[in-house]
PDB file of all heavy atoms in Angstrom:
ATOM      1  N   ASP A   1       0.810  -1.221   0.000  1.00  0.00           N
ATOM      2  CA  ASP A   1       0.000   0.000   0.000  1.00  0.00           C
ATOM      3  C   ASP A   1       0.844   1.272   0.000  1.00  0.00           C
ATOM      4  O   ASP A   1       0.328   2.363   0.125  1.00  0.00           O
ATOM      5  CB  ASP A   1      -0.947   0.000   1.195  1.00  0.00           C
ATOM      6  CG  ASP A   1      -0.222   0.107   2.528  1.00  0.00           C
ATOM      7  OD1 ASP A   1       1.040   0.088   2.537  1.00  0.00           O
ATOM      8  OD2 ASP A   1      -0.896   0.211   3.565  1.00  0.00           O
ATOM      9  N   GLY A   2       2.173   1.130  -0.113  1.00  0.00           N
ATOM     10  CA  GLY A   2       3.066   2.285  -0.135  1.00  0.00           C
ATOM     11  C   GLY A   2       3.615   2.681   1.221  1.00  0.00           C
ATOM     12  O   GLY A   2       4.473   3.567   1.307  1.00  0.00           O
ATOM     13  N   SER A   3       3.126   2.057   2.292  1.00  0.00           N
ATOM     14  CA  SER A   3       3.647   2.384   3.624  1.00  0.00           C
ATOM     15  C   SER A   3       5.109   1.952   3.726  1.00  0.00           C
ATOM     16  O   SER A   3       5.559   1.047   3.030  1.00  0.00           O
ATOM     17  CB  SER A   3       2.807   1.705   4.711  1.00  0.00           C
ATOM     18  OG  SER A   3       2.838   0.305   4.560  1.00  0.00           O
ATOM     19  N   ARG A   4       5.852   2.638   4.574  1.00  0.00           N
ATOM     20  CA  ARG A   4       7.279   2.369   4.716  1.00  0.00           C
ATOM     21  C   ARG A   4       7.618   1.976   6.150  1.00  0.00           C
ATOM     22  O   ARG A   4       7.008   2.463   7.089  1.00  0.00           O
ATOM     23  CB  ARG A   4       8.094   3.589   4.320  1.00  0.00           C
ATOM     24  CG  ARG A   4       7.888   3.951   2.859  1.00  0.00           C
ATOM     25  CD  ARG A   4       8.927   4.941   2.371  1.00  0.00           C
ATOM     26  NE  ARG A   4       8.748   5.220   0.969  1.00  0.00           N
ATOM     27  CZ  ARG A   4       9.192   4.473  -0.027  1.00  0.00           C
ATOM     28  NH1 ARG A   4       9.856   3.377   0.231  1.00  0.00           N
ATOM     29  NH2 ARG A   4       8.976   4.803  -1.286  1.00  0.00           N
ATOM     30  N   VAL A   5       8.608   1.095   6.268  1.00  0.00           N
ATOM     31  CA  VAL A   5       9.084   0.640   7.571  1.00  0.00           C
ATOM     32  C   VAL A   5      10.603   0.661   7.558  1.00  0.00           C
ATOM     33  O   VAL A   5      11.223   0.186   6.610  1.00  0.00           O
ATOM     34  CB  VAL A   5       8.588  -0.795   7.881  1.00  0.00           C
ATOM     35  CG1 VAL A   5       9.159  -1.285   9.199  1.00  0.00           C
ATOM     36  CG2 VAL A   5       7.070  -0.862   7.889  1.00  0.00           C
ATOM     37  N   GLU A   6      11.184   1.266   8.586  1.00  0.00           N
ATOM     38  CA  GLU A   6      12.625   1.193   8.812  1.00  0.00           C
ATOM     39  C   GLU A   6      12.797   0.164   9.917  1.00  0.00           C
ATOM     40  O   GLU A   6      12.402   0.405  11.056  1.00  0.00           O
ATOM     41  CB  GLU A   6      13.195   2.553   9.209  1.00  0.00           C
ATOM     42  CG  GLU A   6      13.069   3.605   8.125  1.00  0.00           C
ATOM     43  CD  GLU A   6      13.779   3.212   6.837  1.00  0.00           C
ATOM     44  OE1 GLU A   6      14.876   2.617   6.907  1.00  0.00           O
ATOM     45  OE2 GLU A   6      13.238   3.495   5.753  1.00  0.00           O
ATOM     46  N   ALA A   7      13.349  -0.986   9.578  1.00  0.00           N
ATOM     47  CA  ALA A   7      13.360  -2.111  10.491  1.00  0.00           C
ATOM     48  C   ALA A   7      14.775  -2.540  10.862  1.00  0.00           C
ATOM     49  O   ALA A   7      15.745  -2.214  10.177  1.00  0.00           O
ATOM     50  CB  ALA A   7      12.623  -3.291   9.858  1.00  0.00           C
ATOM     51  N   ILE A   8      14.853  -3.296  11.940  1.00  0.00           N
ATOM     52  CA  ILE A   8      16.082  -3.954  12.354  1.00  0.00           C
ATOM     53  C   ILE A   8      15.891  -5.442  12.073  1.00  0.00           C
ATOM     54  O   ILE A   8      14.918  -6.043  12.527  1.00  0.00           O
ATOM     55  CB  ILE A   8      16.357  -3.747  13.861  1.00  0.00           C
ATOM     56  CG1 ILE A   8      16.383  -2.270  14.225  1.00  0.00           C
ATOM     57  CG2 ILE A   8      17.644  -4.465  14.265  1.00  0.00           C
ATOM     58  CD1 ILE A   8      17.443  -1.467  13.531  1.00  0.00           C
ATOM     59  N   ALA A   9      16.808  -6.016  11.311  1.00  0.00           N
ATOM     60  CA  ALA A   9      16.787  -7.452  11.047  1.00  0.00           C
ATOM     61  C   ALA A   9      17.954  -8.102  11.763  1.00  0.00           C
ATOM     62  O   ALA A   9      19.046  -7.540  11.838  1.00  0.00           O
ATOM     63  CB  ALA A   9      16.870  -7.723   9.549  1.00  0.00           C
ATOM     64  N   VAL A  10      17.717  -9.286  12.298  1.00  0.00           N
ATOM     65  CA  VAL A  10      18.748 -10.049  12.991  1.00  0.00           C
ATOM     66  C   VAL A  10      18.868 -11.402  12.300  1.00  0.00           C
ATOM     67  O   VAL A  10      17.867 -12.060  12.029  1.00  0.00           O
ATOM     68  CB  VAL A  10      18.383 -10.247  14.474  1.00  0.00           C
ATOM     69  CG1 VAL A  10      19.403 -11.121  15.175  1.00  0.00           C
ATOM     70  CG2 VAL A  10      18.260  -8.912  15.171  1.00  0.00           C
ATOM     71  N   CYS A  11      20.104 -11.790  11.999  1.00  0.00           N
ATOM     72  CA  CYS A  11      20.368 -13.096  11.393  1.00  0.00           C
ATOM     73  C   CYS A  11      21.184 -13.924  12.379  1.00  0.00           C
ATOM     74  O   CYS A  11      22.285 -13.543  12.763  1.00  0.00           O
ATOM     75  CB  CYS A  11      21.134 -12.942  10.079  1.00  0.00           C
ATOM     76  SG  CYS A  11      20.173 -12.117   8.807  1.00  0.00           S
ATOM     77  N   HIS A  12      20.621 -15.050  12.794  1.00  0.00           N
ATOM     78  CA  HIS A  12      21.293 -15.970  13.712  1.00  0.00           C
ATOM     79  C   HIS A  12      22.154 -16.916  12.886  1.00  0.00           C
ATOM     80  O   HIS A  12      21.658 -17.581  11.973  1.00  0.00           O
ATOM     81  CB  HIS A  12      20.255 -16.737  14.531  1.00  0.00           C
ATOM     82  CG  HIS A  12      19.389 -15.835  15.343  1.00  0.00           C
ATOM     83  ND1 HIS A  12      19.712 -15.458  16.629  1.00  0.00           N
ATOM     84  CD2 HIS A  12      18.215 -15.209  15.049  1.00  0.00           C
ATOM     85  CE1 HIS A  12      18.772 -14.652  17.088  1.00  0.00           C
ATOM     86  NE2 HIS A  12      17.856 -14.485  16.156  1.00  0.00           N
ATOM     87  N   LEU A  13      23.446 -16.963  13.197  1.00  0.00           N
ATOM     88  CA  LEU A  13      24.403 -17.696  12.378  1.00  0.00           C
ATOM     89  C   LEU A  13      24.580 -19.156  12.783  1.00  0.00           C
ATOM     90  O   LEU A  13      25.117 -19.944  12.001  1.00  0.00           O
ATOM     91  CB  LEU A  13      25.756 -16.986  12.410  1.00  0.00           C
ATOM     92  CG  LEU A  13      25.713 -15.512  11.993  1.00  0.00           C
ATOM     93  CD1 LEU A  13      27.089 -14.901  12.117  1.00  0.00           C
ATOM     94  CD2 LEU A  13      25.169 -15.363  10.589  1.00  0.00           C
ATOM     95  N   ASP A  14      24.155 -19.519  13.988  1.00  0.00           N
ATOM     96  CA  ASP A  14      24.321 -20.895  14.451  1.00  0.00           C
ATOM     97  C   ASP A  14      23.097 -21.300  15.256  1.00  0.00           C
ATOM     98  O   ASP A  14      22.892 -20.825  16.369  1.00  0.00           O
ATOM     99  CB  ASP A  14      25.584 -21.018  15.306  1.00  0.00           C
ATOM    100  CG  ASP A  14      25.845 -22.425  15.776  1.00  0.00           C
ATOM    101  OD1 ASP A  14      25.087 -23.357  15.413  1.00  0.00           O
ATOM    102  OD2 ASP A  14      26.813 -22.619  16.529  1.00  0.00           O
ATOM    103  N   THR A  15      22.289 -22.193  14.709  1.00  0.00           N
ATOM    104  CA  THR A  15      21.069 -22.637  15.379  1.00  0.00           C
ATOM    105  C   THR A  15      21.183 -24.080  15.886  1.00  0.00           C
ATOM    106  O   THR A  15      20.182 -24.670  16.274  1.00  0.00           O
ATOM    107  CB  THR A  15      19.863 -22.527  14.428  1.00  0.00           C
ATOM    108  OG1 THR A  15      20.092 -23.378  13.296  1.00  0.00           O
ATOM    109  CG2 THR A  15      19.635 -21.097  13.969  1.00  0.00           C
ATOM    110  N   THR A  16      22.379 -24.629  15.884  1.00  0.00           N
ATOM    111  CA  THR A  16      22.539 -26.045  16.244  1.00  0.00           C
ATOM    112  C   THR A  16      22.068 -26.357  17.661  1.00  0.00           C
ATOM    113  O   THR A  16      21.608 -27.464  17.923  1.00  0.00           O
ATOM    114  CB  THR A  16      24.001 -26.509  16.080  1.00  0.00           C
ATOM    115  OG1 THR A  16      24.846 -25.642  16.842  1.00  0.00           O
ATOM    116  CG2 THR A  16      24.438 -26.495  14.633  1.00  0.00           C
ATOM    117  N   SER A  17      22.150 -25.398  18.583  1.00  0.00           N
ATOM    118  CA  SER A  17      21.732 -25.652  19.963  1.00  0.00           C
ATOM    119  C   SER A  17      20.281 -25.251  20.235  1.00  0.00           C
ATOM    120  O   SER A  17      19.810 -25.369  21.364  1.00  0.00           O
ATOM    121  CB  SER A  17      22.655 -24.916  20.938  1.00  0.00           C
ATOM    122  OG  SER A  17      22.523 -23.519  20.765  1.00  0.00           O
ATOM    123  N   TRP A  18      19.561 -24.780  19.222  1.00  0.00           N
ATOM    124  CA  TRP A  18      18.176 -24.348  19.415  1.00  0.00           C
ATOM    125  C   TRP A  18      17.258 -25.535  19.660  1.00  0.00           C
ATOM    126  O   TRP A  18      17.462 -26.630  19.121  1.00  0.00           O
ATOM    127  CB  TRP A  18      17.675 -23.588  18.202  1.00  0.00           C
ATOM    128  CG  TRP A  18      18.219 -22.200  18.058  1.00  0.00           C
ATOM    129  CD1 TRP A  18      19.341 -21.679  18.623  1.00  0.00           C
ATOM    130  CD2 TRP A  18      17.667 -21.165  17.264  1.00  0.00           C
ATOM    131  NE1 TRP A  18      19.528 -20.385  18.220  1.00  0.00           N
ATOM    132  CE2 TRP A  18      18.508 -20.040  17.384  1.00  0.00           C
ATOM    133  CE3 TRP A  18      16.561 -21.074  16.450  1.00  0.00           C
ATOM    134  CZ2 TRP A  18      18.261 -18.840  16.733  1.00  0.00           C
ATOM    135  CZ3 TRP A  18      16.307 -19.885  15.794  1.00  0.00           C
ATOM    136  CH2 TRP A  18      17.153 -18.778  15.949  1.00  0.00           C
ATOM    137  N   ASN A  19      16.203 -25.303  20.409  1.00  0.00           N
ATOM    138  CA  ASN A  19      15.152 -26.289  20.612  1.00  0.00           C
ATOM    139  C   ASN A  19      14.449 -26.514  19.268  1.00  0.00           C
ATOM    140  O   ASN A  19      14.065 -25.553  18.600  1.00  0.00           O
ATOM    141  CB  ASN A  19      14.148 -25.752  21.643  1.00  0.00           C
ATOM    142  CG  ASN A  19      13.039 -26.711  21.955  1.00  0.00           C
ATOM    143  OD1 ASN A  19      12.574 -27.468  21.109  1.00  0.00           O
ATOM    144  ND2 ASN A  19      12.595 -26.665  23.191  1.00  0.00           N
ATOM    145  N   PRO A  20      14.258 -27.776  18.858  1.00  0.00           N
ATOM    146  CA  PRO A  20      13.580 -28.042  17.586  1.00  0.00           C
ATOM    147  C   PRO A  20      12.168 -27.451  17.514  1.00  0.00           C
ATOM    148  O   PRO A  20      11.634 -27.254  16.423  1.00  0.00           O
ATOM    149  CB  PRO A  20      13.521 -29.571  17.518  1.00  0.00           C
ATOM    150  CG  PRO A  20      14.594 -30.032  18.430  1.00  0.00           C
ATOM    151  CD  PRO A  20      14.715 -28.984  19.511  1.00  0.00           C
ATOM    152  N   GLN A  21      11.582 -27.128  18.670  1.00  0.00           N
ATOM    153  CA  GLN A  21      10.239 -26.547  18.706  1.00  0.00           C
ATOM    154  C   GLN A  21      10.253 -25.015  18.647  1.00  0.00           C
ATOM    155  O   GLN A  21       9.197 -24.391  18.748  1.00  0.00           O
ATOM    156  CB  GLN A  21       9.500 -27.011  19.964  1.00  0.00           C
ATOM    157  CG  GLN A  21       9.346 -28.518  20.062  1.00  0.00           C
ATOM    158  CD  GLN A  21       8.652 -29.112  18.858  1.00  0.00           C
ATOM    159  OE1 GLN A  21       7.620 -28.622  18.420  1.00  0.00           O
ATOM    160  NE2 GLN A  21       9.228 -30.171  18.304  1.00  0.00           N
ATOM    161  N   HIS A  22      11.429 -24.416  18.500  1.00  0.00           N
ATOM    162  CA  HIS A  22      11.521 -22.950  18.412  1.00  0.00           C
ATOM    163  C   HIS A  22      10.621 -22.475  17.280  1.00  0.00           C
ATOM    164  O   HIS A  22      10.605 -23.054  16.192  1.00  0.00           O
ATOM    165  CB  HIS A  22      12.971 -22.529  18.153  1.00  0.00           C
ATOM    166  CG  HIS A  22      13.196 -21.062  18.300  1.00  0.00           C
ATOM    167  ND1 HIS A  22      12.739 -20.135  17.393  1.00  0.00           N
ATOM    168  CD2 HIS A  22      13.832 -20.350  19.269  1.00  0.00           C
ATOM    169  CE1 HIS A  22      13.081 -18.923  17.792  1.00  0.00           C
ATOM    170  NE2 HIS A  22      13.756 -19.034  18.922  1.00  0.00           N
ATOM    171  N   VAL A  23       9.876 -21.405  17.535  1.00  0.00           N
ATOM    172  CA  VAL A  23       8.875 -20.939  16.572  1.00  0.00           C
ATOM    173  C   VAL A  23       9.478 -20.623  15.201  1.00  0.00           C
ATOM    174  O   VAL A  23       8.879 -20.921  14.165  1.00  0.00           O
ATOM    175  CB  VAL A  23       8.074 -19.735  17.131  1.00  0.00           C
ATOM    176  CG1 VAL A  23       8.952 -18.506  17.279  1.00  0.00           C
ATOM    177  CG2 VAL A  23       6.868 -19.436  16.237  1.00  0.00           C
ATOM    178  N   MET A  24      10.687 -20.053  15.163  1.00  0.00           N
ATOM    179  CA  MET A  24      11.276 -19.733  13.846  1.00  0.00           C
ATOM    180  C   MET A  24      11.600 -20.992  13.059  1.00  0.00           C
ATOM    181  O   MET A  24      11.408 -21.029  11.846  1.00  0.00           O
ATOM    182  CB  MET A  24      12.520 -18.855  14.006  1.00  0.00           C
ATOM    183  CG  MET A  24      12.160 -17.423  14.308  1.00  0.00           C
ATOM    184  SD  MET A  24      13.488 -16.257  13.962  1.00  0.00           S
ATOM    185  CE  MET A  24      14.707 -16.721  15.143  1.00  0.00           C
ATOM    186  N   LEU A  25      12.081 -22.032  13.741  1.00  0.00           N
ATOM    187  CA  LEU A  25      12.375 -23.278  13.039  1.00  0.00           C
ATOM    188  C   LEU A  25      11.093 -23.950  12.565  1.00  0.00           C
ATOM    189  O   LEU A  25      11.052 -24.542  11.480  1.00  0.00           O
ATOM    190  CB  LEU A  25      13.173 -24.218  13.947  1.00  0.00           C
ATOM    191  CG  LEU A  25      14.529 -23.696  14.416  1.00  0.00           C
ATOM    192  CD1 LEU A  25      15.176 -24.694  15.367  1.00  0.00           C
ATOM    193  CD2 LEU A  25      15.443 -23.403  13.246  1.00  0.00           C
ATOM    194  N   GLN A  26      10.036 -23.831  13.362  1.00  0.00           N
ATOM    195  CA  GLN A  26       8.750 -24.417  12.977  1.00  0.00           C
ATOM    196  C   GLN A  26       8.160 -23.712  11.756  1.00  0.00           C
ATOM    197  O   GLN A  26       7.688 -24.356  10.823  1.00  0.00           O
ATOM    198  CB  GLN A  26       7.760 -24.356  14.152  1.00  0.00           C
ATOM    199  CG  GLN A  26       8.165 -25.199  15.337  1.00  0.00           C
ATOM    200  CD  GLN A  26       8.148 -26.672  15.006  1.00  0.00           C
ATOM    201  OE1 GLN A  26       7.157 -27.203  14.525  1.00  0.00           O
ATOM    202  NE2 GLN A  26       9.267 -27.342  15.250  1.00  0.00           N
ATOM    203  N   VAL A  27       8.224 -22.382  11.746  1.00  0.00           N
ATOM    204  CA  VAL A  27       7.693 -21.615  10.606  1.00  0.00           C
ATOM    205  C   VAL A  27       8.455 -21.955   9.332  1.00  0.00           C
ATOM    206  O   VAL A  27       7.866 -22.118   8.261  1.00  0.00           O
ATOM    207  CB  VAL A  27       7.767 -20.092  10.899  1.00  0.00           C
ATOM    208  CG1 VAL A  27       7.525 -19.277   9.646  1.00  0.00           C
ATOM    209  CG2 VAL A  27       6.766 -19.719  11.978  1.00  0.00           C
ATOM    210  N   LEU A  28       9.778 -22.073   9.444  1.00  0.00           N
ATOM    211  CA  LEU A  28      10.610 -22.391   8.277  1.00  0.00           C
ATOM    212  C   LEU A  28      10.604 -23.881   7.933  1.00  0.00           C
ATOM    213  O   LEU A  28      11.099 -24.278   6.885  1.00  0.00           O
ATOM    214  CB  LEU A  28      12.048 -21.934   8.533  1.00  0.00           C
ATOM    215  CG  LEU A  28      12.248 -20.428   8.675  1.00  0.00           C
ATOM    216  CD1 LEU A  28      13.657 -20.133   9.147  1.00  0.00           C
ATOM    217  CD2 LEU A  28      11.937 -19.726   7.369  1.00  0.00           C
ATOM    218  N   GLN A  29      10.040 -24.690   8.839  1.00  0.00           N
ATOM    219  CA  GLN A  29       9.990 -26.143   8.668  1.00  0.00           C
ATOM    220  C   GLN A  29      11.389 -26.731   8.465  1.00  0.00           C
ATOM    221  O   GLN A  29      11.635 -27.487   7.529  1.00  0.00           O
ATOM    222  CB  GLN A  29       9.052 -26.526   7.519  1.00  0.00           C
ATOM    223  CG  GLN A  29       7.637 -26.073   7.754  1.00  0.00           C
ATOM    224  CD  GLN A  29       6.694 -26.404   6.606  1.00  0.00           C
ATOM    225  OE1 GLN A  29       7.085 -26.966   5.589  1.00  0.00           O
ATOM    226  NE2 GLN A  29       5.439 -26.055   6.785  1.00  0.00           N
ATOM    227  N   VAL A  30      12.299 -26.349   9.370  1.00  0.00           N
ATOM    228  CA  VAL A  30      13.680 -26.847   9.328  1.00  0.00           C
ATOM    229  C   VAL A  30      14.083 -27.338  10.711  1.00  0.00           C
ATOM    230  O   VAL A  30      13.427 -27.048  11.706  1.00  0.00           O
ATOM    231  CB  VAL A  30      14.667 -25.768   8.837  1.00  0.00           C
ATOM    232  CG1 VAL A  30      14.347 -25.341   7.410  1.00  0.00           C
ATOM    233  CG2 VAL A  30      14.680 -24.564   9.764  1.00  0.00           C
ATOM    234  N   LYS A  31      15.187 -28.052  10.772  1.00  0.00           N
ATOM    235  CA  LYS A  31      15.730 -28.555  12.025  1.00  0.00           C
ATOM    236  C   LYS A  31      16.899 -27.672  12.452  1.00  0.00           C
ATOM    237  O   LYS A  31      17.532 -27.024  11.614  1.00  0.00           O
ATOM    238  CB  LYS A  31      16.197 -29.995  11.836  1.00  0.00           C
ATOM    239  CG  LYS A  31      15.062 -30.934  11.549  1.00  0.00           C
ATOM    240  CD  LYS A  31      15.547 -32.343  11.352  1.00  0.00           C
ATOM    241  CE  LYS A  31      14.339 -33.224  11.036  1.00  0.00           C
ATOM    242  NZ  LYS A  31      14.716 -34.597  10.764  1.00  0.00           N
ATOM    243  N   PRO A  32      17.212 -27.671  13.757  1.00  0.00           N
ATOM    244  CA  PRO A  32      18.340 -26.871  14.231  1.00  0.00           C
ATOM    245  C   PRO A  32      19.628 -27.203  13.468  1.00  0.00           C
ATOM    246  O   PRO A  32      19.944 -28.372  13.258  1.00  0.00           O
ATOM    247  CB  PRO A  32      18.479 -27.277  15.706  1.00  0.00           C
ATOM    248  CG  PRO A  32      17.119 -27.758  16.091  1.00  0.00           C
ATOM    249  CD  PRO A  32      16.562 -28.400  14.854  1.00  0.00           C
TER     250      PRO A  32
END
């Protein structure tokens, strides 16, 4: 709709120790 957002993005470089049920892993349908 033309609206603008100045956002902060964070990229996690190592997810090997994450809980497999972490919401981001579930949304992406991937494993730690």
